[in-house]
Each structure stands twice: as C-alpha cells, then as structure tokens.
C-alpha cells in the first residue's frame, strides 16, 4: 500500500515537472519568435503557481521523479540515435 502511494506521488511529481518544463519551452519558443521588448524575470521571481494536489511533495519523492525522468530521456535519446 505504501509503495503504491509512493509511486503515485512520484508520478504526480513527474507530471508536474514535465508540465512545467513543457510550458517553459513553449514560452521560450514564443518569446524567441516575437521581438524582444523587455527582459524576462528569472523563474525565481515569476509568479508561483499553486499545486493541484493538497498534499505537499517531499524532496525524496521529487528526486526520485527526476531520476525517472532522466532515465526516460536517456532511453528516448538512445532510441532516437538508432535511426
């Protein structure tokens, strides 16, 4: 039961990370297409969004999720290199 909860927390953290990463990529691409008007504040100064989950994500679960994402990206990289 505890393992299922940990997997769920890791999955949620990974989803949150990927969504945030995709949004930053989209913002960067859109910004590069438009003319620069003013510098964008660093991410630490941008408005923080609330998590969709009421429970907080602990650091170890986030680290595990990042490790899973790294492994996934490595697998994708090695598969795309075979073409």
PDB file of N, CA and C in Angstrom:
ATOM      1  N   UNK A   1       0.824  -1.194   0.000  1.00  0.00           N
ATOM      2  CA  UNK A   1       0.000   0.000   0.000  1.00  0.00           C
ATOM      3  C   UNK A   1       0.871   1.261   0.000  1.00  0.00           C
ATOM      4  N   UNK A   2       1.912   1.256   0.829  1.00  0.00           N
ATOM      5  CA  UNK A   2       2.797   2.408   0.903  1.00  0.00           C
ATOM      6  C   UNK A   2       3.549   2.594  -0.412  1.00  0.00           C
ATOM      7  N   UNK A   3       3.928   1.471  -1.037  1.00  0.00           N
ATOM      8  CA  UNK A   3       4.638   1.539  -2.310  1.00  0.00           C
ATOM      9  C   UNK A   3       3.746   2.143  -3.397  1.00  0.00           C
ATOM     10  N   UNK A   4       2.475   1.810  -3.373  1.00  0.00           N
ATOM     11  CA  UNK A   4       1.534   2.372  -4.346  1.00  0.00           C
ATOM     12  C   UNK A   4       1.427   3.890  -4.151  1.00  0.00           C
ATOM     13  N   UNK A   5       1.368   4.326  -2.909  1.00  0.00           N
ATOM     14  CA  UNK A   5       1.304   5.762  -2.614  1.00  0.00           C
ATOM     15  C   UNK A   5       2.565   6.468  -3.084  1.00  0.00           C
ATOM     16  N   UNK A   6       3.724   5.845  -2.868  1.00  0.00           N
ATOM     17  CA  UNK A   6       4.983   6.435  -3.309  1.00  0.00           C
ATOM     18  C   UNK A   6       5.016   6.547  -4.831  1.00  0.00           C
ATOM     19  N   UNK A   7       4.554   5.504  -5.523  1.00  0.00           N
ATOM     20  CA  UNK A   7       4.517   5.560  -6.987  1.00  0.00           C
ATOM     21  C   UNK A   7       3.592   6.667  -7.460  1.00  0.00           C
ATOM     22  N   UNK A   8       2.475   6.829  -6.784  1.00  0.00           N
ATOM     23  CA  UNK A   8       1.527   7.871  -7.152  1.00  0.00           C
ATOM     24  C   UNK A   8       2.128   9.262  -6.928  1.00  0.00           C
ATOM     25  N   UNK A   9       2.813   9.439  -5.822  1.00  0.00           N
ATOM     26  CA  UNK A   9       3.457  10.723  -5.534  1.00  0.00           C
ATOM     27  C   UNK A   9       4.554  10.999  -6.557  1.00  0.00           C
ATOM     28  N   UNK A  10       5.335   9.971  -6.892  1.00  0.00           N
ATOM     29  CA  UNK A  10       6.390  10.131  -7.893  1.00  0.00           C
ATOM     30  C   UNK A  10       5.796  10.462  -9.258  1.00  0.00           C
ATOM     31  N   UNK A  11       4.705   9.801  -9.603  1.00  0.00           N
ATOM     32  CA  UNK A  11       4.056  10.068 -10.882  1.00  0.00           C
ATOM     33  C   UNK A  11       3.536  11.492 -10.925  1.00  0.00           C
ATOM     34  N   UNK A  12       2.948  11.929  -9.842  1.00  0.00           N
ATOM     35  CA  UNK A  12       2.428  13.299  -9.764  1.00  0.00           C
ATOM     36  C   UNK A  12       3.568  14.314  -9.876  1.00  0.00           C
ATOM     37  N   UNK A  13       4.661  14.052  -9.196  1.00  0.00           N
ATOM     38  CA  UNK A  13       5.810  14.958  -9.262  1.00  0.00           C
ATOM     39  C   UNK A  13       6.389  14.994 -10.681  1.00  0.00           C
ATOM     40  N   UNK A  14       6.468  13.836 -11.316  1.00  0.00           N
ATOM     41  CA  UNK A  14       6.990  13.778 -12.686  1.00  0.00           C
ATOM     42  C   UNK A  14       6.074  14.524 -13.644  1.00  0.00           C
ATOM     43  N   UNK A  15       4.766  14.341 -13.497  1.00  0.00           N
ATOM     44  CA  UNK A  15       3.815  15.049 -14.349  1.00  0.00           C
ATOM     45  C   UNK A  15       3.934  16.558 -14.152  1.00  0.00           C
ATOM     46  N   UNK A  16       4.030  16.969 -12.906  1.00  0.00           N
ATOM     47  CA  UNK A  16       4.158  18.395 -12.600  1.00  0.00           C
ATOM     48  C   UNK A  16       5.442  18.957 -13.219  1.00  0.00           C
ATOM     49  N   UNK A  17       6.533  18.213 -13.102  1.00  0.00           N
ATOM     50  CA  UNK A  17       7.800  18.644 -13.676  1.00  0.00           C
ATOM     51  C   UNK A  17       7.698  18.756 -15.192  1.00  0.00           C
ATOM     52  N   UNK A  18       7.147  17.725 -15.843  1.00  0.00           N
ATOM     53  CA  UNK A  18       7.042  17.746 -17.299  1.00  0.00           C
ATOM     54  C   UNK A  18       6.125  18.867 -17.786  1.00  0.00           C
ATOM     55  N   UNK A  19       5.018  19.077 -17.103  1.00  0.00           N
ATOM     56  CA  UNK A  19       4.120  20.168 -17.492  1.00  0.00           C
ATOM     57  C   UNK A  19       4.814  21.517 -17.363  1.00  0.00           C
ATOM     58  N   UNK A  20       5.532  21.698 -16.281  1.00  0.00           N
ATOM     59  CA  UNK A  20       6.263  22.949 -16.082  1.00  0.00           C
ATOM     60  C   UNK A  20       7.353  23.115 -17.135  1.00  0.00           C
ATOM     61  N   UNK A  21       8.058  22.035 -17.428  1.00  0.00           N
ATOM     62  CA  UNK A  21       9.124  22.055 -18.425  1.00  0.00           C
ATOM     63  C   UNK A  21       8.559  22.379 -19.816  1.00  0.00           C
ATOM     64  N   UNK A  22       7.460  21.730 -20.183  1.00  0.00           N
ATOM     65  CA  UNK A  22       6.833  21.992 -21.476  1.00  0.00           C
ATOM     66  C   UNK A  22       6.359  23.440 -21.580  1.00  0.00           C
ATOM     67  N   UNK A  23       5.804  23.967 -20.499  1.00  0.00           N
ATOM     68  CA  UNK A  23       5.332  25.348 -20.506  1.00  0.00           C
ATOM     69  C   UNK A  23       6.500  26.315 -20.676  1.00  0.00           C
ATOM     70  N   UNK A  24       7.603  26.043 -20.012  1.00  0.00           N
ATOM     71  CA  UNK A  24       8.779  26.901 -20.161  1.00  0.00           C
ATOM     72  C   UNK A  24       9.325  26.842 -21.586  1.00  0.00           C
ATOM     73  N   UNK A  25       9.333  25.654 -22.179  1.00  0.00           N
ATOM     74  CA  UNK A  25       9.782  25.534 -23.567  1.00  0.00           C
ATOM     75  C   UNK A  25       8.869  26.322 -24.500  1.00  0.00           C
ATOM     76  N   UNK A  26       7.574  26.174 -24.306  1.00  0.00           N
ATOM     77  CA  UNK A  26       6.617  26.890 -25.132  1.00  0.00           C
ATOM     78  C   UNK A  26       6.795  28.401 -24.988  1.00  0.00           C
ATOM     79  N   UNK A  27       6.938  28.862 -23.761  1.00  0.00           N
ATOM     80  CA  UNK A  27       7.153  30.289 -23.520  1.00  0.00           C
ATOM     81  C   UNK A  27       8.433  30.773 -24.190  1.00  0.00           C
ATOM     82  N   UNK A  28       9.483  29.972 -24.111  1.00  0.00           N
ATOM     83  CA  UNK A  28      10.763  30.341 -24.717  1.00  0.00           C
ATOM     84  C   UNK A  28      10.640  30.427 -26.228  1.00  0.00           C
ATOM     85  N   UNK A  29       9.988  29.448 -26.839  1.00  0.00           N
ATOM     86  CA  UNK A  29       9.824  29.469 -28.289  1.00  0.00           C
ATOM     87  C   UNK A  29       8.956  30.638 -28.730  1.00  0.00           C
ATOM     88  N   UNK A  30       7.903  30.904 -28.008  1.00  0.00           N
ATOM     89  CA  UNK A  30       7.041  32.028 -28.357  1.00  0.00           C
ATOM     90  C   UNK A  30       7.785  33.342 -28.173  1.00  0.00           C
ATOM     91  N   UNK A  31       8.588  33.431 -27.154  1.00  0.00           N
ATOM     92  CA  UNK A  31       9.351  34.643 -26.881  1.00  0.00           C
ATOM     93  C   UNK A  31      10.395  34.873 -27.975  1.00  0.00           C
ATOM     94  N   UNK A  32      11.011  33.805 -28.439  1.00  0.00           N
ATOM     95  CA  UNK A  32      12.038  33.944 -29.466  1.00  0.00           C
ATOM     96  C   UNK A  32      11.442  34.345 -30.815  1.00  0.00           C
ATOM     97  N   UNK A  33      10.163  34.046 -31.042  1.00  0.00           N
ATOM     98  CA  UNK A  33       9.507  34.419 -32.285  1.00  0.00           C
ATOM     99  C   UNK A  33       9.115  35.896 -32.304  1.00  0.00           C
ATOM    100  N   UNK A  34       8.837  36.446 -31.147  1.00  0.00           N
ATOM    101  CA  UNK A  34       8.462  37.860 -31.072  1.00  0.00           C
ATOM    102  C   UNK A  34       9.698  38.713 -30.853  1.00  0.00           C
ATOM    103  N   UNK A  35       9.561  39.994 -31.116  1.00  0.00           N
ATOM    104  CA  UNK A  35      10.685  40.897 -30.908  1.00  0.00           C
ATOM    105  C   UNK A  35      10.902  41.102 -29.415  1.00  0.00           C
ATOM    106  N   UNK A  36      12.155  41.129 -28.976  1.00  0.00           N
ATOM    107  CA  UNK A  36      12.413  41.349 -27.550  1.00  0.00           C
ATOM    108  C   UNK A  36      12.038  42.773 -27.150  1.00  0.00           C
ATOM    109  N   UNK A  37      11.231  42.890 -26.113  1.00  0.00           N
ATOM    110  CA  UNK A  37      10.809  44.206 -25.639  1.00  0.00           C
ATOM    111  C   UNK A  37      11.408  44.522 -24.273  1.00  0.00           C
ATOM    112  N   UNK A  38      11.351  43.540 -23.385  1.00  0.00           N
ATOM    113  CA  UNK A  38      11.900  43.728 -22.038  1.00  0.00           C
ATOM    114  C   UNK A  38      12.414  42.385 -21.555  1.00  0.00           C
ATOM    115  N   UNK A  39      13.450  42.397 -20.740  1.00  0.00           N
ATOM    116  CA  UNK A  39      13.972  41.120 -20.245  1.00  0.00           C
ATOM    117  C   UNK A  39      12.943  40.407 -19.370  1.00  0.00           C
ATOM    118  N   UNK A  40      12.914  39.094 -19.489  1.00  0.00           N
ATOM    119  CA  UNK A  40      12.014  38.275 -18.686  1.00  0.00           C
ATOM    120  C   UNK A  40      12.646  38.046 -17.324  1.00  0.00           C
ATOM    121  N   UNK A  41      11.865  38.208 -16.257  1.00  0.00           N
ATOM    122  CA  UNK A  41      12.439  37.969 -14.924  1.00  0.00           C
ATOM    123  C   UNK A  41      12.821  36.500 -14.766  1.00  0.00           C
ATOM    124  N   UNK A  42      13.838  36.218 -13.972  1.00  0.00           N
ATOM    125  CA  UNK A  42      14.234  34.829 -13.735  1.00  0.00           C
ATOM    126  C   UNK A  42      13.071  34.036 -13.150  1.00  0.00           C
ATOM    127  N   UNK A  43      13.055  32.702 -13.340  1.00  0.00           N
ATOM    128  CA  UNK A  43      11.951  31.882 -12.839  1.00  0.00           C
ATOM    129  C   UNK A  43      11.685  32.054 -11.349  1.00  0.00           C
ATOM    130  N   UNK A  44      12.700  32.344 -10.552  1.00  0.00           N
ATOM    131  CA  UNK A  44      12.505  32.504  -9.112  1.00  0.00           C
ATOM    132  C   UNK A  44      11.646  33.723  -8.799  1.00  0.00           C
ATOM    133  N   UNK A  45      11.646  34.724  -9.704  1.00  0.00           N
ATOM    134  CA  UNK A  45      10.874  35.931  -9.466  1.00  0.00           C
ATOM    135  C   UNK A  45       9.492  35.884 -10.103  1.00  0.00           C
ATOM    136  N   UNK A  46       9.250  34.873 -10.943  1.00  0.00           N
ATOM    137  CA  UNK A  46       7.948  34.770 -11.587  1.00  0.00           C
ATOM    138  C   UNK A  46       6.897  34.336 -10.576  1.00  0.00           C
ATOM    139  N   UNK A  47       5.644  34.564 -10.929  1.00  0.00           N
ATOM    140  CA  UNK A  47       4.534  34.214 -10.053  1.00  0.00           C
ATOM    141  C   UNK A  47       4.506  32.709  -9.827  1.00  0.00           C
ATOM    142  N   UNK A  48       4.435  32.314  -8.574  1.00  0.00           N
ATOM    143  CA  UNK A  48       4.398  30.894  -8.251  1.00  0.00           C
ATOM    144  C   UNK A  48       2.970  30.386  -8.393  1.00  0.00           C
ATOM    145  N   UNK A  49       2.843  29.170  -8.954  1.00  0.00           N
ATOM    146  CA  UNK A  49       1.525  28.565  -9.116  1.00  0.00           C
ATOM    147  C   UNK A  49       1.268  27.605  -7.973  1.00  0.00           C
ATOM    148  N   UNK A  50       0.008  27.443  -7.646  1.00  0.00           N
ATOM    149  CA  UNK A  50      -0.366  26.510  -6.595  1.00  0.00           C
ATOM    150  C   UNK A  50      -0.413  25.106  -7.170  1.00  0.00           C
ATOM    151  N   UNK A  51      -0.039  24.141  -6.357  1.00  0.00           N
ATOM    152  CA  UNK A  51      -0.091  22.751  -6.764  1.00  0.00           C
ATOM    153  C   UNK A  51      -1.551  22.309  -6.834  1.00  0.00           C
ATOM    154  N   UNK A  52      -1.852  21.435  -7.788  1.00  0.00           N
ATOM    155  CA  UNK A  52      -3.222  20.955  -7.914  1.00  0.00           C
ATOM    156  C   UNK A  52      -3.551  19.936  -6.828  1.00  0.00           C
ATOM    157  N   UNK A  53      -2.535  19.445  -6.140  1.00  0.00           N
ATOM    158  CA  UNK A  53      -2.731  18.473  -5.084  1.00  0.00           C
ATOM    159  C   UNK A  53      -2.588  19.151  -3.728  1.00  0.00           C
ATOM    160  N   UNK A  54      -3.520  18.864  -2.804  1.00  0.00           N
ATOM    161  CA  UNK A  54      -3.434  19.500  -1.491  1.00  0.00           C
ATOM    162  C   UNK A  54      -2.260  19.000  -0.655  1.00  0.00           C
ATOM    163  N   UNK A  55      -1.757  17.788  -0.943  1.00  0.00           N
ATOM    164  CA  UNK A  55      -0.643  17.280  -0.155  1.00  0.00           C
ATOM    165  C   UNK A  55       0.675  17.773  -0.741  1.00  0.00           C
ATOM    166  N   UNK A  56       1.647  18.007   0.104  1.00  0.00           N
ATOM    167  CA  UNK A  56       2.927  18.514  -0.366  1.00  0.00           C
ATOM    168  C   UNK A  56       3.785  17.364  -0.882  1.00  0.00           C
ATOM    169  N   UNK A  57       4.708  17.700  -1.766  1.00  0.00           N
ATOM    170  CA  UNK A  57       5.606  16.702  -2.333  1.00  0.00           C
ATOM    171  C   UNK A  57       6.907  16.766  -1.553  1.00  0.00           C
ATOM    172  N   UNK A  58       7.333  15.610  -1.021  1.00  0.00           N
ATOM    173  CA  UNK A  58       8.575  15.634  -0.265  1.00  0.00           C
ATOM    174  C   UNK A  58       9.765  15.576  -1.212  1.00  0.00           C
ATOM    175  N   UNK A  59      10.902  16.015  -0.737  1.00  0.00           N
ATOM    176  CA  UNK A  59      12.106  16.154  -1.548  1.00  0.00           C
ATOM    177  C   UNK A  59      12.559  14.823  -2.132  1.00  0.00           C
ATOM    178  N   UNK A  60      12.517  13.764  -1.357  1.00  0.00           N
ATOM    179  CA  UNK A  60      12.982  12.466  -1.864  1.00  0.00           C
ATOM    180  C   UNK A  60      12.084  11.977  -3.002  1.00  0.00           C
ATOM    181  N   UNK A  61      10.784  12.215  -2.912  1.00  0.00           N
ATOM    182  CA  UNK A  61       9.881  11.814  -3.993  1.00  0.00           C
ATOM    183  C   UNK A  61      10.170  12.626  -5.250  1.00  0.00           C
ATOM    184  N   UNK A  62      10.462  13.899  -5.086  1.00  0.00           N
ATOM    185  CA  UNK A  62      10.797  14.739  -6.224  1.00  0.00           C
ATOM    186  C   UNK A  62      12.110  14.284  -6.862  1.00  0.00           C
ATOM    187  N   UNK A  63      13.093  13.958  -6.041  1.00  0.00           N
ATOM    188  CA  UNK A  63      14.367  13.458  -6.569  1.00  0.00           C
ATOM    189  C   UNK A  63      14.167  12.155  -7.321  1.00  0.00           C
ATOM    190  N   UNK A  64      13.327  11.267  -6.781  1.00  0.00           N
ATOM    191  CA  UNK A  64      13.031  10.007  -7.461  1.00  0.00           C
ATOM    192  C   UNK A  64      12.342  10.257  -8.794  1.00  0.00           C
ATOM    193  N   UNK A  65      11.424  11.202  -8.815  1.00  0.00           N
ATOM    194  CA  UNK A  65      10.725  11.527 -10.049  1.00  0.00           C
ATOM    195  C   UNK A  65      11.695  12.092 -11.083  1.00  0.00           C
ATOM    196  N   UNK A  66      12.613  12.932 -10.656  1.00  0.00           N
ATOM    197  CA  UNK A  66      13.604  13.495 -11.570  1.00  0.00           C
ATOM    198  C   UNK A  66      14.512  12.386 -12.102  1.00  0.00           C
ATOM    199  N   UNK A  67      14.871  11.439 -11.246  1.00  0.00           N
ATOM    200  CA  UNK A  67      15.683  10.312 -11.701  1.00  0.00           C
ATOM    201  C   UNK A  67      14.923   9.494 -12.743  1.00  0.00           C
ATOM    202  N   UNK A  68      13.620   9.307 -12.530  1.00  0.00           N
ATOM    203  CA  UNK A  68      12.801   8.599 -13.508  1.00  0.00           C
ATOM    204  C   UNK A  68      12.761   9.355 -14.829  1.00  0.00           C
ATOM    205  N   UNK A  69      12.641  10.662 -14.761  1.00  0.00           N
ATOM    206  CA  UNK A  69      12.597  11.491 -15.970  1.00  0.00           C
ATOM    207  C   UNK A  69      13.935  11.421 -16.698  1.00  0.00           C
ATOM    208  N   UNK A  70      15.033  11.490 -15.948  1.00  0.00           N
ATOM    209  CA  UNK A  70      16.358  11.359 -16.557  1.00  0.00           C
ATOM    210  C   UNK A  70      16.499  10.025 -17.277  1.00  0.00           C
ATOM    211  N   UNK A  71      16.051   8.965 -16.636  1.00  0.00           N
ATOM    212  CA  UNK A  71      16.128   7.637 -17.244  1.00  0.00           C
ATOM    213  C   UNK A  71      15.284   7.590 -18.514  1.00  0.00           C
ATOM    214  N   UNK A  72      14.105   8.156 -18.465  1.00  0.00           N
ATOM    215  CA  UNK A  72      13.225   8.194 -19.633  1.00  0.00           C
ATOM    216  C   UNK A  72      13.884   8.962 -20.779  1.00  0.00           C
ATOM    217  N   UNK A  73      14.457  10.123 -20.480  1.00  0.00           N
ATOM    218  CA  UNK A  73      15.109  10.916 -21.522  1.00  0.00           C
ATOM    219  C   UNK A  73      16.318  10.191 -22.101  1.00  0.00           C
ATOM    220  N   UNK A  74      17.075   9.485 -21.262  1.00  0.00           N
ATOM    221  CA  UNK A  74      18.209   8.705 -21.756  1.00  0.00           C
ATOM    222  C   UNK A  74      17.729   7.606 -22.693  1.00  0.00           C
ATOM    223  N   UNK A  75      16.636   6.936 -22.323  1.00  0.00           N
ATOM    224  CA  UNK A  75      16.080   5.885 -23.173  1.00  0.00           C
ATOM    225  C   UNK A  75      15.599   6.468 -24.497  1.00  0.00           C
ATOM    226  N   UNK A  76      14.964   7.621 -24.454  1.00  0.00           N
ATOM    227  CA  UNK A  76      14.489   8.258 -25.683  1.00  0.00           C
ATOM    228  C   UNK A  76      15.661   8.668 -26.555  1.00  0.00           C
ATOM    229  N   UNK A  77      16.712   9.170 -25.932  1.00  0.00           N
ATOM    230  CA  UNK A  77      17.895   9.614 -26.659  1.00  0.00           C
ATOM    231  C   UNK A  77      18.574   8.432 -27.349  1.00  0.00           C
ATOM    232  N   UNK A  78      18.705   7.332 -26.632  1.00  0.00           N
ATOM    233  CA  UNK A  78      19.366   6.162 -27.220  1.00  0.00           C
ATOM    234  C   UNK A  78      18.509   5.536 -28.316  1.00  0.00           C
ATOM    235  N   UNK A  79      17.189   5.584 -28.188  1.00  0.00           N
ATOM    236  CA  UNK A  79      16.305   5.044 -29.226  1.00  0.00           C
ATOM    237  C   UNK A  79      16.324   5.918 -30.474  1.00  0.00           C
ATOM    238  N   UNK A  80      16.362   7.235 -30.311  1.00  0.00           N
ATOM    239  CA  UNK A  80      16.385   8.124 -31.467  1.00  0.00           C
ATOM    240  C   UNK A  80      17.735   8.092 -32.159  1.00  0.00           C
ATOM    241  N   UNK A  81      18.789   7.704 -31.460  1.00  0.00           N
ATOM    242  CA  UNK A  81      20.108   7.590 -32.054  1.00  0.00           C
ATOM    243  C   UNK A  81      20.254   6.377 -32.952  1.00  0.00           C
ATOM    244  N   UNK A  82      19.311   5.439 -32.866  1.00  0.00           N
ATOM    245  CA  UNK A  82      19.364   4.241 -33.690  1.00  0.00           C
ATOM    246  C   UNK A  82      18.864   4.482 -35.093  1.00  0.00           C
ATOM    247  N   UNK A  83      18.307   5.627 -35.401  1.00  0.00           N
ATOM    248  CA  UNK A  83      17.743   5.860 -36.722  1.00  0.00           C
ATOM    249  C   UNK A  83      18.758   6.362 -37.678  1.00  0.00           C
TER     250      UNK A  83
END
